[in-house]
Amino acid sequence: RPRVAAGGLERVLDGRPVSRLDLVKAVAGRFVERRAGDRLGLVLFGSRAYLQTPLTYDRATVQTMLNEAVIGLAGRETAIGDAIALAVKRLREQPEDNRVLILLTDGASTAGSLSPQDAARLAAQAGVRIYTIGIGGGPVGVRTPFGMLMQRPGDLDPETLRAVAEETGGRFFEATDTDQLEAVYAELDRLEPSVRDSLT
């Protein structure tokens, strides 16, 4: 089944402090590993949205491109609506039961030409289910030539994320630490079984 993951908890991973983005990469990477038989893609978004990885069965490539994502690569703002629209454009050619978007963000929509609500309506019309994950709690770690710079996290907008999910028949999740984020991905595995799981 196609999946498109998008998104950005100073926390500890394997006994060492890591940035919010590094934590998300690690947890999302484990999710990607479990999706054998699915077509996956990756849309990154900041001030603009762009396709990092087209839909593919090659999980290793998706994993590599996820690992190469850095904060600020797509700009410092948050264009949630544009990211949804780009994912919908890529998913609308897929079988209707397989059109799923997992939207991961730590901020409110502050950029882009399309509002998240308008993009959600387009997604619903195209038969794309959106599962939204809002992450927060603690500063964001940004690597600089002078070390790790801790920045205040964006203002998460759970109401909008909930509305986007509900408009499309998906669900909203909020995660403030590693365990919660792992639990969210486990629940997504249950809600949207991989092709391999569906056939066994």
N, C-alpha and C. Protein backbone atom coordinates (compact mmCIF):
# COMPACT_ATOMS: atom_id res chain seq x y z
N ARG A 1 0.84 -1.19 0.00
CA ARG A 1 0.00 0.00 0.00
C ARG A 1 0.87 1.24 0.00
N PRO A 2 0.50 2.27 -0.73
CA PRO A 2 1.33 3.47 -0.75
C PRO A 2 1.24 4.22 0.57
N ARG A 3 2.34 4.75 0.99
CA ARG A 3 2.36 5.61 2.17
C ARG A 3 3.23 6.82 1.83
N VAL A 4 2.83 7.98 2.29
CA VAL A 4 3.67 9.16 2.15
C VAL A 4 3.82 9.74 3.53
N ALA A 5 5.05 9.82 4.02
CA ALA A 5 5.28 10.38 5.35
C ALA A 5 5.86 11.77 5.21
N ALA A 6 5.38 12.67 6.03
CA ALA A 6 5.88 14.03 5.96
C ALA A 6 6.19 14.57 7.35
N GLY A 7 7.09 15.54 7.43
CA GLY A 7 7.24 16.24 8.66
C GLY A 7 8.61 16.72 9.09
N GLY A 8 9.01 17.07 11.32
CA GLY A 8 10.24 17.51 11.94
C GLY A 8 10.49 16.93 13.25
N LEU A 9 11.78 16.42 19.84
CA LEU A 9 11.41 16.16 21.09
C LEU A 9 12.81 16.08 21.68
N GLU A 10 13.54 17.23 22.07
CA GLU A 10 14.86 16.89 22.58
C GLU A 10 14.64 15.74 23.55
N ARG A 11 15.11 14.57 23.24
CA ARG A 11 14.91 13.38 24.04
C ARG A 11 16.18 12.54 24.00
N VAL A 12 16.13 11.38 24.66
CA VAL A 12 17.27 10.48 24.70
C VAL A 12 16.96 9.28 23.83
N LEU A 13 17.93 8.89 23.00
CA LEU A 13 17.81 7.73 22.15
C LEU A 13 19.08 6.90 22.33
N ASP A 14 18.91 5.63 22.70
CA ASP A 14 20.05 4.75 22.96
C ASP A 14 21.01 5.36 23.97
N GLY A 15 20.44 6.01 24.98
CA GLY A 15 21.25 6.54 26.08
C GLY A 15 21.95 7.85 25.81
N ARG A 16 21.69 8.48 24.67
CA ARG A 16 22.34 9.76 24.41
C ARG A 16 21.31 10.80 23.97
N PRO A 17 21.53 12.07 24.32
CA PRO A 17 20.58 13.11 23.90
C PRO A 17 20.60 13.28 22.38
N VAL A 18 19.43 13.45 21.80
CA VAL A 18 19.33 13.65 20.36
C VAL A 18 18.34 14.77 20.09
N SER A 19 18.43 15.33 18.89
CA SER A 19 17.49 16.37 18.49
C SER A 19 16.13 15.76 18.21
N ARG A 20 15.13 16.59 18.15
CA ARG A 20 13.77 16.14 17.84
C ARG A 20 13.75 15.45 16.48
N LEU A 21 14.43 16.04 15.49
CA LEU A 21 14.44 15.45 14.15
C LEU A 21 15.11 14.09 14.15
N ASP A 22 16.23 13.93 14.86
CA ASP A 22 16.91 12.64 14.91
C ASP A 22 16.02 11.58 15.54
N LEU A 23 15.28 11.97 16.55
CA LEU A 23 14.37 11.03 17.19
C LEU A 23 13.27 10.60 16.23
N VAL A 24 12.69 11.56 15.52
CA VAL A 24 11.65 11.24 14.55
C VAL A 24 12.20 10.32 13.46
N LYS A 25 13.40 10.62 12.98
CA LYS A 25 14.01 9.77 11.95
C LYS A 25 14.14 8.33 12.44
N ALA A 26 14.58 8.16 13.68
CA ALA A 26 14.79 6.81 14.21
C ALA A 26 13.47 6.06 14.32
N VAL A 27 12.45 6.71 14.88
CA VAL A 27 11.17 6.04 15.08
C VAL A 27 10.47 5.81 13.74
N ALA A 28 10.45 6.83 12.89
CA ALA A 28 9.82 6.68 11.57
C ALA A 28 10.57 5.65 10.74
N GLY A 29 11.89 5.59 10.91
CA GLY A 29 12.68 4.59 10.17
C GLY A 29 12.28 3.17 10.53
N ARG A 30 11.99 2.94 11.80
CA ARG A 30 11.55 1.60 12.21
C ARG A 30 10.18 1.29 11.62
N PHE A 31 9.33 2.31 11.50
CA PHE A 31 8.02 2.13 10.87
C PHE A 31 8.21 1.74 9.40
N VAL A 32 9.10 2.44 8.70
CA VAL A 32 9.37 2.14 7.29
C VAL A 32 9.84 0.69 7.14
N GLU A 33 10.71 0.24 8.03
CA GLU A 33 11.24 -1.12 7.95
C GLU A 33 10.14 -2.17 8.01
N ARG A 34 9.08 -1.87 8.78
CA ARG A 34 8.01 -2.85 8.98
C ARG A 34 7.02 -2.90 7.82
N ARG A 35 7.13 -1.97 6.85
CA ARG A 35 6.10 -1.86 5.81
C ARG A 35 6.45 -2.65 4.55
N ALA A 36 6.91 -3.87 4.71
CA ALA A 36 7.26 -4.72 3.57
C ALA A 36 6.05 -4.89 2.65
N GLY A 37 6.27 -4.74 1.35
CA GLY A 37 5.21 -4.90 0.37
C GLY A 37 4.44 -3.63 0.08
N ASP A 38 4.70 -2.55 0.82
CA ASP A 38 4.02 -1.27 0.61
C ASP A 38 4.85 -0.37 -0.29
N ARG A 39 4.16 0.47 -1.05
CA ARG A 39 4.84 1.56 -1.75
C ARG A 39 4.87 2.74 -0.79
N LEU A 40 6.05 3.30 -0.60
CA LEU A 40 6.25 4.41 0.33
C LEU A 40 6.82 5.60 -0.41
N GLY A 41 6.51 6.79 0.07
CA GLY A 41 7.10 8.02 -0.45
C GLY A 41 7.35 8.96 0.69
N LEU A 42 8.11 10.01 0.43
CA LEU A 42 8.45 10.97 1.48
C LEU A 42 8.34 12.38 0.93
N VAL A 43 7.51 13.20 1.58
CA VAL A 43 7.38 14.61 1.26
C VAL A 43 7.91 15.39 2.45
N LEU A 44 8.87 16.27 2.21
CA LEU A 44 9.38 17.15 3.26
C LEU A 44 8.76 18.53 3.07
N PHE A 45 8.53 19.23 4.16
CA PHE A 45 7.96 20.57 4.03
C PHE A 45 8.47 21.49 5.11
N GLY A 46 8.61 22.73 4.71
CA GLY A 46 8.99 23.83 5.58
C GLY A 46 8.25 25.03 5.03
N SER A 47 8.98 26.02 4.51
CA SER A 47 8.35 27.15 3.84
C SER A 47 7.68 26.70 2.55
N ARG A 48 8.14 25.61 1.99
CA ARG A 48 7.54 25.00 0.81
C ARG A 48 7.56 23.50 1.00
N ALA A 49 6.86 22.79 0.15
CA ALA A 49 6.83 21.33 0.21
C ALA A 49 7.50 20.78 -1.03
N TYR A 50 8.25 19.71 -0.88
CA TYR A 50 8.82 19.08 -2.06
C TYR A 50 8.91 17.57 -1.86
N LEU A 51 8.89 16.88 -2.98
CA LEU A 51 8.93 15.43 -2.98
C LEU A 51 10.37 14.97 -2.78
N GLN A 52 10.64 14.38 -1.65
CA GLN A 52 11.97 13.85 -1.36
C GLN A 52 12.16 12.48 -2.00
N THR A 53 11.11 11.65 -1.93
CA THR A 53 11.15 10.32 -2.52
C THR A 53 9.80 9.99 -3.14
N PRO A 54 9.74 9.71 -4.45
CA PRO A 54 8.48 9.28 -5.06
C PRO A 54 8.05 7.93 -4.49
N LEU A 55 6.81 7.57 -4.73
CA LEU A 55 6.32 6.27 -4.27
C LEU A 55 7.18 5.15 -4.83
N THR A 56 7.61 4.25 -3.96
CA THR A 56 8.50 3.17 -4.36
C THR A 56 8.36 2.00 -3.40
N TYR A 57 8.68 0.80 -3.89
CA TYR A 57 8.75 -0.37 -3.01
C TYR A 57 10.11 -0.45 -2.32
N ASP A 58 11.03 0.41 -2.71
CA ASP A 58 12.42 0.38 -2.21
C ASP A 58 12.49 1.07 -0.85
N ARG A 59 12.25 0.30 0.21
CA ARG A 59 12.26 0.87 1.56
C ARG A 59 13.64 1.42 1.95
N ALA A 60 14.70 0.81 1.43
CA ALA A 60 16.05 1.26 1.76
C ALA A 60 16.27 2.69 1.26
N THR A 61 15.76 3.00 0.07
CA THR A 61 15.89 4.35 -0.47
C THR A 61 15.11 5.35 0.36
N VAL A 62 13.88 4.99 0.72
CA VAL A 62 13.07 5.87 1.57
C VAL A 62 13.80 6.12 2.88
N GLN A 63 14.36 5.07 3.46
CA GLN A 63 15.11 5.19 4.71
C GLN A 63 16.30 6.13 4.56
N THR A 64 17.03 5.98 3.45
CA THR A 64 18.20 6.84 3.20
C THR A 64 17.78 8.31 3.08
N MET A 65 16.74 8.56 2.31
CA MET A 65 16.28 9.94 2.12
C MET A 65 15.73 10.53 3.41
N LEU A 66 15.08 9.71 4.22
CA LEU A 66 14.62 10.16 5.53
C LEU A 66 15.81 10.54 6.40
N ASN A 67 16.84 9.71 6.40
CA ASN A 67 18.03 9.98 7.21
C ASN A 67 18.78 11.23 6.76
N GLU A 68 18.65 11.58 5.48
CA GLU A 68 19.36 12.75 4.96
C GLU A 68 18.61 14.06 5.20
N ALA A 69 17.38 13.99 5.70
CA ALA A 69 16.60 15.21 5.96
C ALA A 69 17.26 16.01 7.08
N VAL A 70 17.30 17.33 6.92
CA VAL A 70 17.84 18.22 7.94
C VAL A 70 16.87 19.36 8.18
N ILE A 71 16.89 19.88 9.38
CA ILE A 71 16.03 21.02 9.71
C ILE A 71 16.42 22.20 8.85
N GLY A 72 15.41 22.85 8.28
CA GLY A 72 15.65 24.03 7.46
C GLY A 72 15.86 23.74 5.99
N LEU A 73 15.93 22.45 5.62
CA LEU A 73 16.17 22.08 4.23
C LEU A 73 15.10 22.66 3.31
N ALA A 74 13.86 22.68 3.77
CA ALA A 74 12.76 23.20 2.95
C ALA A 74 12.31 24.58 3.43
N GLY A 75 13.13 25.23 4.27
CA GLY A 75 12.77 26.53 4.82
C GLY A 75 12.34 26.40 6.27
N ARG A 76 12.20 27.53 6.92
CA ARG A 76 11.95 27.54 8.37
C ARG A 76 10.49 27.64 8.76
N GLU A 77 9.59 27.82 7.81
CA GLU A 77 8.18 27.90 8.13
C GLU A 77 7.53 26.53 7.95
N THR A 78 6.20 26.49 7.98
CA THR A 78 5.51 25.21 7.94
C THR A 78 4.34 25.27 6.97
N ALA A 79 4.53 24.72 5.78
CA ALA A 79 3.51 24.75 4.73
C ALA A 79 2.74 23.42 4.71
N ILE A 80 1.90 23.22 5.71
CA ILE A 80 1.18 21.96 5.85
C ILE A 80 0.22 21.73 4.69
N GLY A 81 -0.53 22.75 4.30
CA GLY A 81 -1.49 22.59 3.21
C GLY A 81 -0.82 22.19 1.91
N ASP A 82 0.30 22.84 1.60
CA ASP A 82 1.02 22.52 0.37
C ASP A 82 1.57 21.08 0.40
N ALA A 83 2.02 20.64 1.57
CA ALA A 83 2.53 19.27 1.70
C ALA A 83 1.41 18.26 1.46
N ILE A 84 0.24 18.53 2.02
CA ILE A 84 -0.90 17.63 1.80
C ILE A 84 -1.24 17.59 0.31
N ALA A 85 -1.31 18.77 -0.33
CA ALA A 85 -1.68 18.84 -1.74
C ALA A 85 -0.68 18.07 -2.61
N LEU A 86 0.60 18.19 -2.32
CA LEU A 86 1.61 17.48 -3.10
C LEU A 86 1.47 15.97 -2.92
N ALA A 87 1.21 15.54 -1.69
CA ALA A 87 1.02 14.11 -1.44
C ALA A 87 -0.23 13.59 -2.15
N VAL A 88 -1.31 14.37 -2.10
CA VAL A 88 -2.55 13.96 -2.77
C VAL A 88 -2.33 13.80 -4.27
N LYS A 89 -1.57 14.73 -4.85
CA LYS A 89 -1.28 14.65 -6.28
C LYS A 89 -0.58 13.33 -6.61
N ARG A 90 0.33 12.89 -5.75
CA ARG A 90 1.06 11.65 -5.98
C ARG A 90 0.23 10.41 -5.70
N LEU A 91 -0.73 10.52 -4.78
CA LEU A 91 -1.51 9.36 -4.37
C LEU A 91 -2.77 9.12 -5.19
N ARG A 92 -3.24 10.14 -5.88
CA ARG A 92 -4.55 9.99 -6.55
C ARG A 92 -4.55 8.95 -7.66
N GLU A 93 -3.38 8.58 -8.16
CA GLU A 93 -3.31 7.55 -9.20
C GLU A 93 -3.26 6.14 -8.63
N GLN A 94 -3.18 6.03 -7.31
CA GLN A 94 -3.10 4.72 -6.66
C GLN A 94 -4.50 4.14 -6.44
N PRO A 95 -4.62 2.82 -6.25
CA PRO A 95 -5.93 2.23 -5.93
C PRO A 95 -6.54 2.94 -4.72
N GLU A 96 -7.84 3.17 -4.76
CA GLU A 96 -8.48 4.02 -3.76
C GLU A 96 -8.29 3.53 -2.33
N ASP A 97 -8.32 2.23 -2.10
CA ASP A 97 -8.15 1.72 -0.74
C ASP A 97 -6.74 1.93 -0.20
N ASN A 98 -5.81 2.29 -1.07
CA ASN A 98 -4.41 2.40 -0.68
C ASN A 98 -3.90 3.83 -0.57
N ARG A 99 -4.77 4.79 -0.59
CA ARG A 99 -4.34 6.19 -0.55
C ARG A 99 -4.29 6.68 0.90
N VAL A 100 -3.09 6.62 1.46
CA VAL A 100 -2.91 6.98 2.87
C VAL A 100 -1.74 7.95 3.00
N LEU A 101 -1.96 9.00 3.78
CA LEU A 101 -0.92 9.98 4.08
C LEU A 101 -0.74 10.05 5.59
N ILE A 102 0.51 9.95 6.03
CA ILE A 102 0.84 10.17 7.45
C ILE A 102 1.55 11.50 7.52
N LEU A 103 0.91 12.47 8.15
CA LEU A 103 1.43 13.83 8.25
C LEU A 103 2.01 14.03 9.64
N LEU A 104 3.30 14.29 9.72
CA LEU A 104 4.00 14.46 10.99
C LEU A 104 4.53 15.87 11.07
N THR A 105 4.15 16.63 12.11
CA THR A 105 4.61 18.01 12.22
C THR A 105 4.74 18.42 13.68
N ASP A 106 5.63 19.38 13.93
CA ASP A 106 5.76 19.93 15.28
C ASP A 106 5.34 21.40 15.32
N GLY A 107 4.70 21.88 14.26
CA GLY A 107 4.32 23.29 14.22
C GLY A 107 2.97 23.51 13.56
N ALA A 108 2.49 24.73 13.72
CA ALA A 108 1.26 25.15 13.06
C ALA A 108 1.59 25.58 11.64
N SER A 109 0.59 25.57 10.77
CA SER A 109 0.81 25.99 9.39
C SER A 109 1.03 27.50 9.35
N THR A 110 2.20 27.90 8.83
CA THR A 110 2.56 29.32 8.77
C THR A 110 2.95 29.77 7.37
N ALA A 111 2.87 28.89 6.40
CA ALA A 111 3.31 29.23 5.04
C ALA A 111 2.50 28.42 4.05
N GLY A 112 2.74 28.70 2.77
CA GLY A 112 2.11 27.92 1.72
C GLY A 112 0.94 28.65 1.09
N SER A 113 0.56 28.18 -0.09
CA SER A 113 -0.52 28.83 -0.83
C SER A 113 -1.87 28.21 -0.53
N LEU A 114 -1.89 27.08 0.15
CA LEU A 114 -3.14 26.37 0.42
C LEU A 114 -3.25 26.11 1.92
N SER A 115 -4.42 26.38 2.49
CA SER A 115 -4.61 26.13 3.92
C SER A 115 -4.73 24.62 4.16
N PRO A 116 -4.39 24.15 5.37
CA PRO A 116 -4.56 22.73 5.67
C PRO A 116 -6.01 22.26 5.48
N GLN A 117 -6.97 23.12 5.83
CA GLN A 117 -8.38 22.75 5.71
C GLN A 117 -8.77 22.56 4.24
N ASP A 118 -8.33 23.48 3.37
CA ASP A 118 -8.63 23.35 1.94
C ASP A 118 -7.95 22.11 1.36
N ALA A 119 -6.72 21.87 1.79
CA ALA A 119 -5.99 20.69 1.31
C ALA A 119 -6.67 19.41 1.77
N ALA A 120 -7.20 19.42 3.00
CA ALA A 120 -7.91 18.24 3.51
C ALA A 120 -9.15 17.96 2.69
N ARG A 121 -9.85 19.00 2.26
CA ARG A 121 -11.03 18.81 1.41
C ARG A 121 -10.63 18.18 0.07
N LEU A 122 -9.52 18.64 -0.50
CA LEU A 122 -9.01 18.03 -1.74
C LEU A 122 -8.66 16.56 -1.51
N ALA A 123 -8.04 16.28 -0.37
CA ALA A 123 -7.67 14.90 -0.05
C ALA A 123 -8.92 14.03 0.08
N ALA A 124 -9.93 14.54 0.76
CA ALA A 124 -11.17 13.77 0.93
C ALA A 124 -11.81 13.49 -0.43
N GLN A 125 -11.82 14.48 -1.32
CA GLN A 125 -12.39 14.30 -2.66
C GLN A 125 -11.61 13.25 -3.45
N ALA A 126 -10.31 13.16 -3.20
CA ALA A 126 -9.45 12.20 -3.91
C ALA A 126 -9.40 10.84 -3.21
N GLY A 127 -10.14 10.70 -2.09
CA GLY A 127 -10.15 9.43 -1.38
C GLY A 127 -8.88 9.13 -0.62
N VAL A 128 -8.16 10.19 -0.18
CA VAL A 128 -6.92 10.01 0.59
C VAL A 128 -7.24 10.16 2.08
N ARG A 129 -6.90 9.13 2.85
CA ARG A 129 -7.04 9.20 4.32
C ARG A 129 -5.77 9.82 4.89
N ILE A 130 -5.95 10.76 5.81
CA ILE A 130 -4.79 11.41 6.42
C ILE A 130 -4.77 11.11 7.92
N TYR A 131 -3.66 10.56 8.37
CA TYR A 131 -3.41 10.38 9.80
C TYR A 131 -2.41 11.47 10.19
N THR A 132 -2.81 12.34 11.12
CA THR A 132 -1.93 13.44 11.52
C THR A 132 -1.29 13.12 12.86
N ILE A 133 0.00 13.46 12.98
CA ILE A 133 0.73 13.26 14.22
C ILE A 133 1.36 14.60 14.60
N GLY A 134 0.94 15.14 15.72
CA GLY A 134 1.54 16.37 16.25
C GLY A 134 2.55 16.00 17.31
N ILE A 135 3.79 16.45 17.14
CA ILE A 135 4.80 16.17 18.16
C ILE A 135 5.20 17.47 18.82
N GLY A 136 5.56 17.39 20.07
CA GLY A 136 5.92 18.60 20.80
C GLY A 136 6.52 18.25 22.15
N GLY A 137 6.71 19.29 22.94
CA GLY A 137 7.28 19.10 24.26
C GLY A 137 8.78 19.21 24.23
N GLY A 138 9.31 20.31 24.69
CA GLY A 138 10.75 20.50 24.72
C GLY A 138 11.26 21.24 23.51
N PRO A 139 12.47 21.74 23.57
CA PRO A 139 13.05 22.52 22.48
C PRO A 139 13.47 21.66 21.31
N VAL A 140 13.66 22.31 20.19
CA VAL A 140 14.15 21.64 18.98
C VAL A 140 15.66 21.84 18.91
N GLY A 141 16.40 20.76 18.69
CA GLY A 141 17.84 20.87 18.56
C GLY A 141 18.24 21.04 17.11
N VAL A 142 18.99 22.10 16.82
CA VAL A 142 19.46 22.37 15.47
C VAL A 142 20.98 22.35 15.48
N ARG A 143 21.58 21.50 14.63
CA ARG A 143 23.05 21.44 14.58
C ARG A 143 23.58 22.65 13.84
N THR A 144 24.57 23.30 14.40
CA THR A 144 25.23 24.44 13.77
C THR A 144 26.74 24.20 13.85
N PRO A 145 27.55 25.01 13.15
CA PRO A 145 29.02 24.85 13.27
C PRO A 145 29.51 25.07 14.70
N PHE A 146 28.68 25.68 15.56
CA PHE A 146 29.07 25.97 16.93
C PHE A 146 28.48 24.98 17.93
N GLY A 147 27.90 23.88 17.42
CA GLY A 147 27.29 22.89 18.30
C GLY A 147 25.78 22.87 18.13
N MET A 148 25.11 22.28 19.11
CA MET A 148 23.65 22.15 19.06
C MET A 148 23.00 23.42 19.58
N LEU A 149 22.17 24.03 18.74
CA LEU A 149 21.43 25.23 19.12
C LEU A 149 20.00 24.80 19.45
N MET A 150 19.55 25.12 20.64
CA MET A 150 18.21 24.73 21.05
C MET A 150 17.25 25.88 20.73
N GLN A 151 16.21 25.56 19.95
CA GLN A 151 15.23 26.55 19.57
C GLN A 151 13.88 26.19 20.16
N ARG A 152 13.09 27.21 20.44
CA ARG A 152 11.75 26.98 20.92
C ARG A 152 10.95 26.28 19.83
N PRO A 153 10.17 25.24 20.20
CA PRO A 153 9.41 24.54 19.17
C PRO A 153 8.31 25.41 18.60
N GLY A 154 7.85 25.06 17.40
CA GLY A 154 6.74 25.77 16.81
C GLY A 154 5.48 25.58 17.62
N ASP A 155 4.54 26.46 17.43
CA ASP A 155 3.27 26.36 18.15
C ASP A 155 2.41 25.32 17.45
N LEU A 156 2.31 24.16 18.05
CA LEU A 156 1.51 23.09 17.50
C LEU A 156 0.04 23.49 17.48
N ASP A 157 -0.67 23.10 16.45
CA ASP A 157 -2.09 23.44 16.29
C ASP A 157 -2.89 22.14 16.23
N PRO A 158 -3.16 21.52 17.39
CA PRO A 158 -3.85 20.23 17.37
C PRO A 158 -5.26 20.29 16.81
N GLU A 159 -5.92 21.43 16.96
CA GLU A 159 -7.30 21.54 16.43
C GLU A 159 -7.31 21.38 14.91
N THR A 160 -6.37 22.05 14.24
CA THR A 160 -6.30 21.94 12.79
C THR A 160 -5.92 20.53 12.36
N LEU A 161 -4.95 19.94 13.03
CA LEU A 161 -4.53 18.58 12.70
C LEU A 161 -5.67 17.59 12.90
N ARG A 162 -6.43 17.77 13.97
CA ARG A 162 -7.59 16.91 14.22
C ARG A 162 -8.62 17.08 13.11
N ALA A 163 -8.88 18.33 12.72
CA ALA A 163 -9.88 18.60 11.68
C ALA A 163 -9.46 18.01 10.34
N VAL A 164 -8.18 18.10 10.01
CA VAL A 164 -7.67 17.53 8.75
C VAL A 164 -7.89 16.02 8.74
N ALA A 165 -7.55 15.37 9.84
CA ALA A 165 -7.71 13.92 9.93
C ALA A 165 -9.19 13.53 9.81
N GLU A 166 -10.05 14.21 10.55
CA GLU A 166 -11.47 13.87 10.55
C GLU A 166 -12.11 14.11 9.18
N GLU A 167 -11.69 15.16 8.48
CA GLU A 167 -12.23 15.46 7.15
C GLU A 167 -11.99 14.30 6.18
N THR A 168 -10.90 13.57 6.40
CA THR A 168 -10.49 12.54 5.43
C THR A 168 -10.73 11.11 5.93
N GLY A 169 -11.32 10.97 7.09
CA GLY A 169 -11.55 9.63 7.63
C GLY A 169 -10.35 9.04 8.33
N GLY A 170 -9.36 9.87 8.66
CA GLY A 170 -8.18 9.42 9.38
C GLY A 170 -8.31 9.68 10.87
N ARG A 171 -7.18 9.77 11.56
CA ARG A 171 -7.18 10.05 12.99
C ARG A 171 -6.04 10.98 13.33
N PHE A 172 -6.22 11.74 14.42
CA PHE A 172 -5.18 12.62 14.94
C PHE A 172 -4.52 11.96 16.14
N PHE A 173 -3.20 12.06 16.21
CA PHE A 173 -2.43 11.56 17.34
C PHE A 173 -1.53 12.69 17.84
N GLU A 174 -1.26 12.70 19.13
CA GLU A 174 -0.29 13.64 19.67
C GLU A 174 0.76 12.84 20.43
N ALA A 175 2.03 13.17 20.20
CA ALA A 175 3.13 12.46 20.84
C ALA A 175 4.09 13.47 21.44
N THR A 176 4.40 13.29 22.71
CA THR A 176 5.32 14.21 23.36
C THR A 176 6.63 13.54 23.77
N ASP A 177 6.73 12.23 23.54
CA ASP A 177 7.99 11.55 23.85
C ASP A 177 8.15 10.32 22.95
N THR A 178 9.29 9.68 23.08
CA THR A 178 9.62 8.55 22.22
C THR A 178 8.60 7.42 22.32
N ASP A 179 8.22 7.07 23.55
CA ASP A 179 7.30 5.96 23.74
C ASP A 179 5.96 6.24 23.07
N GLN A 180 5.46 7.48 23.20
CA GLN A 180 4.19 7.82 22.58
C GLN A 180 4.29 7.76 21.06
N LEU A 181 5.41 8.24 20.52
CA LEU A 181 5.58 8.21 19.06
C LEU A 181 5.65 6.77 18.55
N GLU A 182 6.36 5.91 19.27
CA GLU A 182 6.40 4.49 18.91
C GLU A 182 5.00 3.88 18.95
N ALA A 183 4.22 4.25 19.98
CA ALA A 183 2.86 3.72 20.12
C ALA A 183 1.98 4.18 18.97
N VAL A 184 2.18 5.42 18.51
CA VAL A 184 1.40 5.94 17.38
C VAL A 184 1.68 5.11 16.14
N TYR A 185 2.95 4.86 15.84
CA TYR A 185 3.29 4.08 14.66
C TYR A 185 2.78 2.65 14.77
N ALA A 186 2.80 2.08 15.99
CA ALA A 186 2.24 0.73 16.18
C ALA A 186 0.74 0.74 15.90
N GLU A 187 0.05 1.78 16.33
CA GLU A 187 -1.39 1.89 16.07
C GLU A 187 -1.65 2.07 14.57
N LEU A 188 -0.80 2.82 13.88
CA LEU A 188 -0.94 2.97 12.44
C LEU A 188 -0.74 1.64 11.73
N ASP A 189 0.19 0.82 12.22
CA ASP A 189 0.37 -0.52 11.66
C ASP A 189 -0.91 -1.33 11.80
N ARG A 190 -1.61 -1.14 12.93
CA ARG A 190 -2.85 -1.88 13.17
C ARG A 190 -3.98 -1.35 12.27
N LEU A 191 -4.08 -0.01 12.16
CA LEU A 191 -5.15 0.60 11.38
C LEU A 191 -4.97 0.39 9.87
N GLU A 192 -3.73 0.40 9.43
CA GLU A 192 -3.41 0.27 8.01
C GLU A 192 -2.39 -0.86 7.84
N PRO A 193 -2.85 -2.12 7.88
CA PRO A 193 -1.91 -3.24 7.77
C PRO A 193 -1.13 -3.18 6.47
N SER A 194 0.11 -3.61 6.51
CA SER A 194 0.91 -3.65 5.28
C SER A 194 0.36 -4.73 4.36
N VAL A 195 0.73 -4.64 3.09
CA VAL A 195 0.30 -5.65 2.12
C VAL A 195 0.71 -7.04 2.58
N ARG A 196 1.92 -7.18 3.06
CA ARG A 196 2.41 -8.49 3.54
C ARG A 196 1.52 -9.01 4.66
N ASP A 197 1.18 -8.14 5.63
CA ASP A 197 0.32 -8.56 6.74
C ASP A 197 -1.08 -8.92 6.25
N SER A 198 -1.56 -8.20 5.24
CA SER A 198 -2.90 -8.45 4.73
C SER A 198 -3.01 -9.79 4.02
N LEU A 199 -1.88 -10.26 3.48
CA LEU A 199 -1.90 -11.50 2.71
C LEU A 199 -1.61 -12.73 3.56
N THR A 200 -1.17 -12.54 4.81
CA THR A 200 -0.84 -13.69 5.66
C THR A 200 -1.94 -14.00 6.63
